[in-house]
Amino acid sequence: MNQTSSDVTRLIEQLRAGDEPVHAQLFWSTRDQQGQAPYSEDRSVHFELSPSQGDWREFEVLFEAKVSLTGLRLDPGAGSRLEIDSIILQTRQE
């Protein structure tokens, strides 16, 4: 994952969820986190995935990392069920 400062990142997920909304959280880690926990609340975004009734759908999440990314973690809400077909990570300079 190579990113420069001031990049806005778009995570595009092709997935399917059940019949209930999924409250999820995306965490990211960056290379400036030496000696810190890799994932933290200040480097995360909360979002909701609408029910997909078992159909594959595309969802996107926008976030901004100030320095190069080193990792991602997607946490669906407790008791949620998701199937992920693909994940695409895109960046653009602001």
PDB file of N, CA and C in Angstrom:
ATOM      1  N   MET A   1       0.845  -1.170   0.000  1.00  0.00           N
ATOM      2  CA  MET A   1       0.000   0.000   0.000  1.00  0.00           C
ATOM      3  C   MET A   1       0.889   1.231   0.000  1.00  0.00           C
ATOM      4  N   ASN A   2       0.952   1.911  -1.091  1.00  0.00           N
ATOM      5  CA  ASN A   2       1.769   3.101  -1.158  1.00  0.00           C
ATOM      6  C   ASN A   2       0.879   4.312  -1.308  1.00  0.00           C
ATOM      7  N   GLN A   3       1.035   5.241  -0.404  1.00  0.00           N
ATOM      8  CA  GLN A   3       0.234   6.450  -0.391  1.00  0.00           C
ATOM      9  C   GLN A   3       1.107   7.608  -0.003  1.00  0.00           C
ATOM     10  N   THR A   4       0.802   8.788  -0.504  1.00  0.00           N
ATOM     11  CA  THR A   4       1.514   9.981  -0.072  1.00  0.00           C
ATOM     12  C   THR A   4       0.584  10.816   0.775  1.00  0.00           C
ATOM     13  N   SER A   5       1.140  11.821   1.444  1.00  0.00           N
ATOM     14  CA  SER A   5       0.308  12.644   2.323  1.00  0.00           C
ATOM     15  C   SER A   5      -0.784  13.352   1.530  1.00  0.00           C
ATOM     16  N   SER A   6      -1.879  13.643   2.193  1.00  0.00           N
ATOM     17  CA  SER A   6      -3.044  14.325   1.631  1.00  0.00           C
ATOM     18  C   SER A   6      -3.810  13.490   0.618  1.00  0.00           C
ATOM     19  N   ASP A   7      -3.642  12.179   0.650  1.00  0.00           N
ATOM     20  CA  ASP A   7      -4.430  11.311  -0.214  1.00  0.00           C
ATOM     21  C   ASP A   7      -5.767  10.997   0.448  1.00  0.00           C
ATOM     22  N   VAL A   8      -6.823  11.061  -0.339  1.00  0.00           N
ATOM     23  CA  VAL A   8      -8.119  10.581   0.107  1.00  0.00           C
ATOM     24  C   VAL A   8      -8.240   9.169  -0.447  1.00  0.00           C
ATOM     25  N   THR A   9      -8.618   8.262   0.398  1.00  0.00           N
ATOM     26  CA  THR A   9      -8.673   6.863   0.000  1.00  0.00           C
ATOM     27  C   THR A   9     -10.117   6.414  -0.081  1.00  0.00           C
ATOM     28  N   ARG A  10     -10.399   5.640  -1.089  1.00  0.00           N
ATOM     29  CA  ARG A  10     -11.734   5.074  -1.292  1.00  0.00           C
ATOM     30  C   ARG A  10     -11.592   3.568  -1.276  1.00  0.00           C
ATOM     31  N   LEU A  11     -12.281   2.952  -0.345  1.00  0.00           N
ATOM     32  CA  LEU A  11     -12.317   1.499  -0.250  1.00  0.00           C
ATOM     33  C   LEU A  11     -13.641   1.054  -0.860  1.00  0.00           C
ATOM     34  N   ILE A  12     -13.560   0.251  -1.902  1.00  0.00           N
ATOM     35  CA  ILE A  12     -14.757  -0.241  -2.579  1.00  0.00           C
ATOM     36  C   ILE A  12     -14.856  -1.727  -2.290  1.00  0.00           C
ATOM     37  N   GLU A  13     -15.985  -2.124  -1.744  1.00  0.00           N
ATOM     38  CA  GLU A  13     -16.183  -3.519  -1.373  1.00  0.00           C
ATOM     39  C   GLU A  13     -17.353  -4.085  -2.156  1.00  0.00           C
ATOM     40  N   GLN A  14     -17.147  -5.231  -2.719  1.00  0.00           N
ATOM     41  CA  GLN A  14     -18.238  -5.986  -3.341  1.00  0.00           C
ATOM     42  C   GLN A  14     -18.613  -7.047  -2.309  1.00  0.00           C
ATOM     43  N   LEU A  15     -19.789  -6.908  -1.718  1.00  0.00           N
ATOM     44  CA  LEU A  15     -20.158  -7.841  -0.661  1.00  0.00           C
ATOM     45  C   LEU A  15     -21.645  -8.027  -0.593  1.00  0.00           C
ATOM     46  N   ARG A  16     -22.022  -8.981   0.230  1.00  0.00           N
ATOM     47  CA  ARG A  16     -23.445  -9.143   0.508  1.00  0.00           C
ATOM     48  C   ARG A  16     -23.621  -9.310   2.002  1.00  0.00           C
ATOM     49  N   ALA A  17     -24.678  -8.675   2.451  1.00  0.00           N
ATOM     50  CA  ALA A  17     -25.043  -8.704   3.859  1.00  0.00           C
ATOM     51  C   ALA A  17     -26.406  -9.370   3.963  1.00  0.00           C
ATOM     52  N   GLY A  18     -26.841  -9.590   5.159  1.00  0.00           N
ATOM     53  CA  GLY A  18     -28.129 -10.243   5.375  1.00  0.00           C
ATOM     54  C   GLY A  18     -29.299  -9.296   5.225  1.00  0.00           C
ATOM     55  N   ASP A  19     -30.309  -9.515   6.047  1.00  0.00           N
ATOM     56  CA  ASP A  19     -31.553  -8.745   5.978  1.00  0.00           C
ATOM     57  C   ASP A  19     -31.576  -7.549   6.913  1.00  0.00           C
ATOM     58  N   GLU A  20     -30.533  -7.365   7.714  1.00  0.00           N
ATOM     59  CA  GLU A  20     -30.462  -6.260   8.677  1.00  0.00           C
ATOM     60  C   GLU A  20     -29.297  -5.347   8.324  1.00  0.00           C
ATOM     61  N   PRO A  21     -29.384  -4.043   8.652  1.00  0.00           N
ATOM     62  CA  PRO A  21     -28.234  -3.159   8.447  1.00  0.00           C
ATOM     63  C   PRO A  21     -27.033  -3.646   9.256  1.00  0.00           C
ATOM     64  N   VAL A  22     -25.850  -3.417   8.731  1.00  0.00           N
ATOM     65  CA  VAL A  22     -24.611  -3.795   9.406  1.00  0.00           C
ATOM     66  C   VAL A  22     -23.875  -2.518   9.788  1.00  0.00           C
ATOM     67  N   HIS A  23     -23.637  -2.335  11.063  1.00  0.00           N
ATOM     68  CA  HIS A  23     -22.850  -1.201  11.550  1.00  0.00           C
ATOM     69  C   HIS A  23     -21.406  -1.675  11.620  1.00  0.00           C
ATOM     70  N   ALA A  24     -20.560  -1.073  10.795  1.00  0.00           N
ATOM     71  CA  ALA A  24     -19.184  -1.552  10.660  1.00  0.00           C
ATOM     72  C   ALA A  24     -18.198  -0.422  10.954  1.00  0.00           C
ATOM     73  N   GLN A  25     -16.944  -0.818  11.091  1.00  0.00           N
ATOM     74  CA  GLN A  25     -15.878   0.138  11.345  1.00  0.00           C
ATOM     75  C   GLN A  25     -14.652  -0.300  10.540  1.00  0.00           C
ATOM     76  N   LEU A  26     -14.047   0.661   9.834  1.00  0.00           N
ATOM     77  CA  LEU A  26     -12.821   0.421   9.086  1.00  0.00           C
ATOM     78  C   LEU A  26     -11.675   1.098   9.821  1.00  0.00           C
ATOM     79  N   PHE A  27     -10.634   0.336  10.126  1.00  0.00           N
ATOM     80  CA  PHE A  27      -9.422   0.857  10.756  1.00  0.00           C
ATOM     81  C   PHE A  27      -8.295   0.839   9.735  1.00  0.00           C
ATOM     82  N   TRP A  28      -7.352   1.769   9.867  1.00  0.00           N
ATOM     83  CA  TRP A  28      -6.154   1.727   9.043  1.00  0.00           C
ATOM     84  C   TRP A  28      -4.940   2.009   9.915  1.00  0.00           C
ATOM     85  N   SER A  29      -3.827   1.428   9.505  1.00  0.00           N
ATOM     86  CA  SER A  29      -2.560   1.700  10.191  1.00  0.00           C
ATOM     87  C   SER A  29      -1.631   2.376   9.192  1.00  0.00           C
ATOM     88  N   THR A  30      -0.706   3.159   9.733  1.00  0.00           N
ATOM     89  CA  THR A  30       0.225   3.911   8.892  1.00  0.00           C
ATOM     90  C   THR A  30       1.654   3.701   9.379  1.00  0.00           C
ATOM     91  N   ARG A  31       2.599   4.030   8.535  1.00  0.00           N
ATOM     92  CA  ARG A  31       3.988   3.726   8.884  1.00  0.00           C
ATOM     93  C   ARG A  31       4.564   4.630   9.964  1.00  0.00           C
ATOM     94  N   ASP A  32       3.860   5.658  10.370  1.00  0.00           N
ATOM     95  CA  ASP A  32       4.371   6.539  11.431  1.00  0.00           C
ATOM     96  C   ASP A  32       3.948   6.092  12.831  1.00  0.00           C
ATOM     97  N   GLN A  33       3.428   4.896  12.976  1.00  0.00           N
ATOM     98  CA  GLN A  33       2.898   4.420  14.249  1.00  0.00           C
ATOM     99  C   GLN A  33       3.885   3.571  15.046  1.00  0.00           C
ATOM    100  N   GLN A  34       5.155   3.806  14.933  1.00  0.00           N
ATOM    101  CA  GLN A  34       6.155   3.004  15.635  1.00  0.00           C
ATOM    102  C   GLN A  34       5.871   2.983  17.132  1.00  0.00           C
ATOM    103  N   GLY A  35       5.824   1.781  17.686  1.00  0.00           N
ATOM    104  CA  GLY A  35       5.609   1.621  19.121  1.00  0.00           C
ATOM    105  C   GLY A  35       4.170   1.800  19.579  1.00  0.00           C
ATOM    106  N   GLN A  36       3.244   2.036  18.668  1.00  0.00           N
ATOM    107  CA  GLN A  36       1.833   2.215  19.007  1.00  0.00           C
ATOM    108  C   GLN A  36       1.040   0.990  18.559  1.00  0.00           C
ATOM    109  N   ALA A  37      -0.150   0.855  19.113  1.00  0.00           N
ATOM    110  CA  ALA A  37      -1.058  -0.201  18.653  1.00  0.00           C
ATOM    111  C   ALA A  37      -1.327   0.023  17.168  1.00  0.00           C
ATOM    112  N   PRO A  38      -1.392  -1.045  16.366  1.00  0.00           N
ATOM    113  CA  PRO A  38      -1.550  -0.866  14.922  1.00  0.00           C
ATOM    114  C   PRO A  38      -2.883  -0.228  14.513  1.00  0.00           C
ATOM    115  N   TYR A  39      -3.937  -0.449  15.282  1.00  0.00           N
ATOM    116  CA  TYR A  39      -5.245   0.106  14.929  1.00  0.00           C
ATOM    117  C   TYR A  39      -5.813   0.842  16.126  1.00  0.00           C
ATOM    118  N   SER A  40      -6.390   2.024  15.872  1.00  0.00           N
ATOM    119  CA  SER A  40      -6.936   2.826  16.964  1.00  0.00           C
ATOM    120  C   SER A  40      -8.168   3.590  16.480  1.00  0.00           C
ATOM    121  N   GLU A  41      -8.944   4.050  17.430  1.00  0.00           N
ATOM    122  CA  GLU A  41     -10.191   4.765  17.129  1.00  0.00           C
ATOM    123  C   GLU A  41      -9.941   6.021  16.288  1.00  0.00           C
ATOM    124  N   ASP A  42      -8.823   6.716  16.538  1.00  0.00           N
ATOM    125  CA  ASP A  42      -8.555   7.950  15.791  1.00  0.00           C
ATOM    126  C   ASP A  42      -8.152   7.694  14.341  1.00  0.00           C
ATOM    127  N   ARG A  43      -7.852   6.457  14.008  1.00  0.00           N
ATOM    128  CA  ARG A  43      -7.577   6.086  12.623  1.00  0.00           C
ATOM    129  C   ARG A  43      -8.622   5.067  12.181  1.00  0.00           C
ATOM    130  N   SER A  44      -9.864   5.507  12.272  1.00  0.00           N
ATOM    131  CA  SER A  44     -10.969   4.636  11.872  1.00  0.00           C
ATOM    132  C   SER A  44     -12.154   5.477  11.435  1.00  0.00           C
ATOM    133  N   VAL A  45     -13.085   4.820  10.770  1.00  0.00           N
ATOM    134  CA  VAL A  45     -14.334   5.458  10.365  1.00  0.00           C
ATOM    135  C   VAL A  45     -15.458   4.444  10.565  1.00  0.00           C
ATOM    136  N   HIS A  46     -16.571   4.925  11.112  1.00  0.00           N
ATOM    137  CA  HIS A  46     -17.772   4.099  11.289  1.00  0.00           C
ATOM    138  C   HIS A  46     -18.665   4.307  10.070  1.00  0.00           C
ATOM    139  N   PHE A  47     -19.338   3.258   9.646  1.00  0.00           N
ATOM    140  CA  PHE A  47     -20.264   3.370   8.522  1.00  0.00           C
ATOM    141  C   PHE A  47     -21.306   2.276   8.633  1.00  0.00           C
ATOM    142  N   GLU A  48     -22.374   2.439   7.878  1.00  0.00           N
ATOM    143  CA  GLU A  48     -23.458   1.452   7.897  1.00  0.00           C
ATOM    144  C   GLU A  48     -23.634   0.874   6.502  1.00  0.00           C
ATOM    145  N   LEU A  49     -23.772  -0.434   6.453  1.00  0.00           N
ATOM    146  CA  LEU A  49     -24.071  -1.131   5.211  1.00  0.00           C
ATOM    147  C   LEU A  49     -25.554  -1.484   5.224  1.00  0.00           C
ATOM    148  N   SER A  50     -26.255  -1.066   4.198  1.00  0.00           N
ATOM    149  CA  SER A  50     -27.682  -1.371   4.141  1.00  0.00           C
ATOM    150  C   SER A  50     -27.877  -2.845   3.814  1.00  0.00           C
ATOM    151  N   PRO A  51     -29.012  -3.398   4.210  1.00  0.00           N
ATOM    152  CA  PRO A  51     -29.272  -4.813   3.913  1.00  0.00           C
ATOM    153  C   PRO A  51     -29.217  -5.068   2.409  1.00  0.00           C
ATOM    154  N   SER A  52     -28.631  -6.173   2.024  1.00  0.00           N
ATOM    155  CA  SER A  52     -28.556  -6.480   0.589  1.00  0.00           C
ATOM    156  C   SER A  52     -29.462  -7.650   0.214  1.00  0.00           C
ATOM    157  N   GLN A  53     -30.198  -8.190   1.199  1.00  0.00           N
ATOM    158  CA  GLN A  53     -31.145  -9.281   0.932  1.00  0.00           C
ATOM    159  C   GLN A  53     -30.472 -10.442   0.210  1.00  0.00           C
ATOM    160  N   GLY A  54     -29.183 -10.651   0.474  1.00  0.00           N
ATOM    161  CA  GLY A  54     -28.472 -11.762  -0.130  1.00  0.00           C
ATOM    162  C   GLY A  54     -27.892 -11.478  -1.501  1.00  0.00           C
ATOM    163  N   ASP A  55     -28.138 -10.281  -2.051  1.00  0.00           N
ATOM    164  CA  ASP A  55     -27.587  -9.919  -3.362  1.00  0.00           C
ATOM    165  C   ASP A  55     -26.213  -9.283  -3.191  1.00  0.00           C
ATOM    166  N   TRP A  56     -25.335  -9.468  -4.170  1.00  0.00           N
ATOM    167  CA  TRP A  56     -24.037  -8.810  -4.165  1.00  0.00           C
ATOM    168  C   TRP A  56     -24.234  -7.333  -4.462  1.00  0.00           C
ATOM    169  N   ARG A  57     -23.563  -6.483  -3.690  1.00  0.00           N
ATOM    170  CA  ARG A  57     -23.652  -5.034  -3.861  1.00  0.00           C
ATOM    171  C   ARG A  57     -22.284  -4.413  -3.694  1.00  0.00           C
ATOM    172  N   GLU A  58     -22.152  -3.223  -4.271  1.00  0.00           N
ATOM    173  CA  GLU A  58     -20.914  -2.471  -4.111  1.00  0.00           C
ATOM    174  C   GLU A  58     -21.138  -1.368  -3.079  1.00  0.00           C
ATOM    175  N   PHE A  59     -20.256  -1.294  -2.103  1.00  0.00           N
ATOM    176  CA  PHE A  59     -20.292  -0.258  -1.080  1.00  0.00           C
ATOM    177  C   PHE A  59     -18.958   0.469  -1.110  1.00  0.00           C
ATOM    178  N   GLU A  60     -18.952   1.751  -0.753  1.00  0.00           N
ATOM    179  CA  GLU A  60     -17.679   2.454  -0.676  1.00  0.00           C
ATOM    180  C   GLU A  60     -17.570   3.217   0.625  1.00  0.00           C
ATOM    181  N   VAL A  61     -16.337   3.316   1.097  1.00  0.00           N
ATOM    182  CA  VAL A  61     -16.016   4.030   2.330  1.00  0.00           C
ATOM    183  C   VAL A  61     -14.874   4.976   2.011  1.00  0.00           C
ATOM    184  N   LEU A  62     -15.031   6.253   2.339  1.00  0.00           N
ATOM    185  CA  LEU A  62     -13.977   7.251   2.138  1.00  0.00           C
ATOM    186  C   LEU A  62     -13.281   7.543   3.459  1.00  0.00           C
ATOM    187  N   PHE A  63     -11.962   7.694   3.402  1.00  0.00           N
ATOM    188  CA  PHE A  63     -11.201   8.100   4.581  1.00  0.00           C
ATOM    189  C   PHE A  63      -9.917   8.776   4.126  1.00  0.00           C
ATOM    190  N   GLU A  64      -9.264   9.470   5.049  1.00  0.00           N
ATOM    191  CA  GLU A  64      -8.027  10.168   4.738  1.00  0.00           C
ATOM    192  C   GLU A  64      -6.933   9.732   5.696  1.00  0.00           C
ATOM    193  N   ALA A  65      -5.868   9.228   5.145  1.00  0.00           N
ATOM    194  CA  ALA A  65      -4.685   8.862   5.931  1.00  0.00           C
ATOM    195  C   ALA A  65      -3.604   9.892   5.618  1.00  0.00           C
ATOM    196  N   LYS A  66      -2.960  10.406   6.649  1.00  0.00           N
ATOM    197  CA  LYS A  66      -1.976  11.471   6.463  1.00  0.00           C
ATOM    198  C   LYS A  66      -0.640  10.969   5.918  1.00  0.00           C
ATOM    199  N   VAL A  67      -0.321   9.698   6.142  1.00  0.00           N
ATOM    200  CA  VAL A  67       0.923   9.107   5.634  1.00  0.00           C
ATOM    201  C   VAL A  67       0.614   7.740   5.036  1.00  0.00           C
ATOM    202  N   SER A  68       1.619   7.071   4.519  1.00  0.00           N
ATOM    203  CA  SER A  68       1.437   5.794   3.820  1.00  0.00           C
ATOM    204  C   SER A  68       0.744   4.742   4.682  1.00  0.00           C
ATOM    205  N   LEU A  69      -0.205   4.050   4.078  1.00  0.00           N
ATOM    206  CA  LEU A  69      -0.911   2.962   4.752  1.00  0.00           C
ATOM    207  C   LEU A  69      -0.018   1.728   4.869  1.00  0.00           C
ATOM    208  N   THR A  70      -0.170   1.014   5.988  1.00  0.00           N
ATOM    209  CA  THR A  70       0.526  -0.262   6.146  1.00  0.00           C
ATOM    210  C   THR A  70      -0.456  -1.400   6.394  1.00  0.00           C
ATOM    211  N   GLY A  71      -1.716  -1.087   6.706  1.00  0.00           N
ATOM    212  CA  GLY A  71      -2.685  -2.138   6.939  1.00  0.00           C
ATOM    213  C   GLY A  71      -4.102  -1.621   7.030  1.00  0.00           C
ATOM    214  N   LEU A  72      -5.051  -2.520   6.826  1.00  0.00           N
ATOM    215  CA  LEU A  72      -6.479  -2.233   6.957  1.00  0.00           C
ATOM    216  C   LEU A  72      -7.123  -3.326   7.790  1.00  0.00           C
ATOM    217  N   ARG A  73      -8.169  -2.950   8.519  1.00  0.00           N
ATOM    218  CA  ARG A  73      -8.959  -3.926   9.281  1.00  0.00           C
ATOM    219  C   ARG A  73     -10.422  -3.527   9.185  1.00  0.00           C
ATOM    220  N   LEU A  74     -11.266  -4.439   8.769  1.00  0.00           N
ATOM    221  CA  LEU A  74     -12.708  -4.209   8.661  1.00  0.00           C
ATOM    222  C   LEU A  74     -13.402  -4.993   9.757  1.00  0.00           C
ATOM    223  N   ASP A  75     -14.112  -4.291  10.635  1.00  0.00           N
ATOM    224  CA  ASP A  75     -14.852  -4.927  11.721  1.00  0.00           C
ATOM    225  C   ASP A  75     -16.349  -4.759  11.494  1.00  0.00           C
ATOM    226  N   PRO A  76     -17.049  -5.831  11.105  1.00  0.00           N
ATOM    227  CA  PRO A  76     -18.515  -5.745  11.059  1.00  0.00           C
ATOM    228  C   PRO A  76     -19.043  -5.739  12.486  1.00  0.00           C
ATOM    229  N   GLY A  77     -20.199  -5.216  12.683  1.00  0.00           N
ATOM    230  CA  GLY A  77     -20.792  -5.172  14.014  1.00  0.00           C
ATOM    231  C   GLY A  77     -21.000  -6.562  14.592  1.00  0.00           C
ATOM    232  N   ALA A  78     -21.123  -6.618  15.900  1.00  0.00           N
ATOM    233  CA  ALA A  78     -21.334  -7.894  16.591  1.00  0.00           C
ATOM    234  C   ALA A  78     -22.565  -8.602  16.038  1.00  0.00           C
ATOM    235  N   GLY A  79     -22.416  -9.862  15.746  1.00  0.00           N
ATOM    236  CA  GLY A  79     -23.530 -10.660  15.249  1.00  0.00           C
ATOM    237  C   GLY A  79     -23.843 -10.469  13.783  1.00  0.00           C
ATOM    238  N   SER A  80     -23.077  -9.611  13.098  1.00  0.00           N
ATOM    239  CA  SER A  80     -23.315  -9.371  11.669  1.00  0.00           C
ATOM    240  C   SER A  80     -22.718 -10.489  10.824  1.00  0.00           C
ATOM    241  N   ARG A  81     -23.321 -10.674   9.676  1.00  0.00           N
ATOM    242  CA  ARG A  81     -22.811 -11.671   8.740  1.00  0.00           C
ATOM    243  C   ARG A  81     -22.573 -10.983   7.409  1.00  0.00           C
ATOM    244  N   LEU A  82     -21.335 -11.071   6.921  1.00  0.00           N
ATOM    245  CA  LEU A  82     -20.954 -10.491   5.641  1.00  0.00           C
ATOM    246  C   LEU A  82     -20.203 -11.519   4.814  1.00  0.00           C
ATOM    247  N   GLU A  83     -20.390 -11.452   3.516  1.00  0.00           N
ATOM    248  CA  GLU A  83     -19.560 -12.206   2.586  1.00  0.00           C
ATOM    249  C   GLU A  83     -18.898 -11.167   1.685  1.00  0.00           C
ATOM    250  N   ILE A  84     -17.576 -11.250   1.557  1.00  0.00           N
ATOM    251  CA  ILE A  84     -16.830 -10.289   0.747  1.00  0.00           C
ATOM    252  C   ILE A  84     -16.326 -10.997  -0.504  1.00  0.00           C
ATOM    253  N   ASP A  85     -16.647 -10.420  -1.652  1.00  0.00           N
ATOM    254  CA  ASP A  85     -16.177 -10.952  -2.928  1.00  0.00           C
ATOM    255  C   ASP A  85     -14.881 -10.267  -3.337  1.00  0.00           C
ATOM    256  N   SER A  86     -14.815  -8.946  -3.173  1.00  0.00           N
ATOM    257  CA  SER A  86     -13.607  -8.216  -3.565  1.00  0.00           C
ATOM    258  C   SER A  86     -13.505  -6.905  -2.793  1.00  0.00           C
ATOM    259  N   ILE A  87     -12.281  -6.425  -2.703  1.00  0.00           N
ATOM    260  CA  ILE A  87     -11.993  -5.127  -2.093  1.00  0.00           C
ATOM    261  C   ILE A  87     -11.028  -4.402  -3.015  1.00  0.00           C
ATOM    262  N   ILE A  88     -11.339  -3.157  -3.340  1.00  0.00           N
ATOM    263  CA  ILE A  88     -10.476  -2.315  -4.169  1.00  0.00           C
ATOM    264  C   ILE A  88     -10.125  -1.082  -3.354  1.00  0.00           C
ATOM    265  N   LEU A  89      -8.880  -0.718  -3.363  1.00  0.00           N
ATOM    266  CA  LEU A  89      -8.396   0.463  -2.652  1.00  0.00           C
ATOM    267  C   LEU A  89      -7.902   1.464  -3.679  1.00  0.00           C
ATOM    268  N   GLN A  90      -8.497   2.667  -3.693  1.00  0.00           N
ATOM    269  CA  GLN A  90      -8.105   3.708  -4.652  1.00  0.00           C
ATOM    270  C   GLN A  90      -7.736   4.958  -3.876  1.00  0.00           C
ATOM    271  N   THR A  91      -6.753   5.701  -4.384  1.00  0.00           N
ATOM    272  CA  THR A  91      -6.393   6.967  -3.756  1.00  0.00           C
ATOM    273  C   THR A  91      -6.417   8.069  -4.794  1.00  0.00           C
ATOM    274  N   ARG A  92      -6.617   9.282  -4.302  1.00  0.00           N
ATOM    275  CA  ARG A  92      -6.543  10.452  -5.174  1.00  0.00           C
ATOM    276  C   ARG A  92      -5.928  11.594  -4.372  1.00  0.00           C
ATOM    277  N   GLN A  93      -5.141  12.406  -5.028  1.00  0.00           N
ATOM    278  CA  GLN A  93      -4.508  13.563  -4.391  1.00  0.00           C
ATOM    279  C   GLN A  93      -5.526  14.664  -4.193  1.00  0.00           C
ATOM    280  N   GLU A  94      -5.507  15.261  -3.033  1.00  0.00           N
ATOM    281  CA  GLU A  94      -6.379  16.405  -2.748  1.00  0.00           C
ATOM    282  C   GLU A  94      -5.576  17.674  -2.835  1.00  0.00           C
TER     283      GLU A  94
END
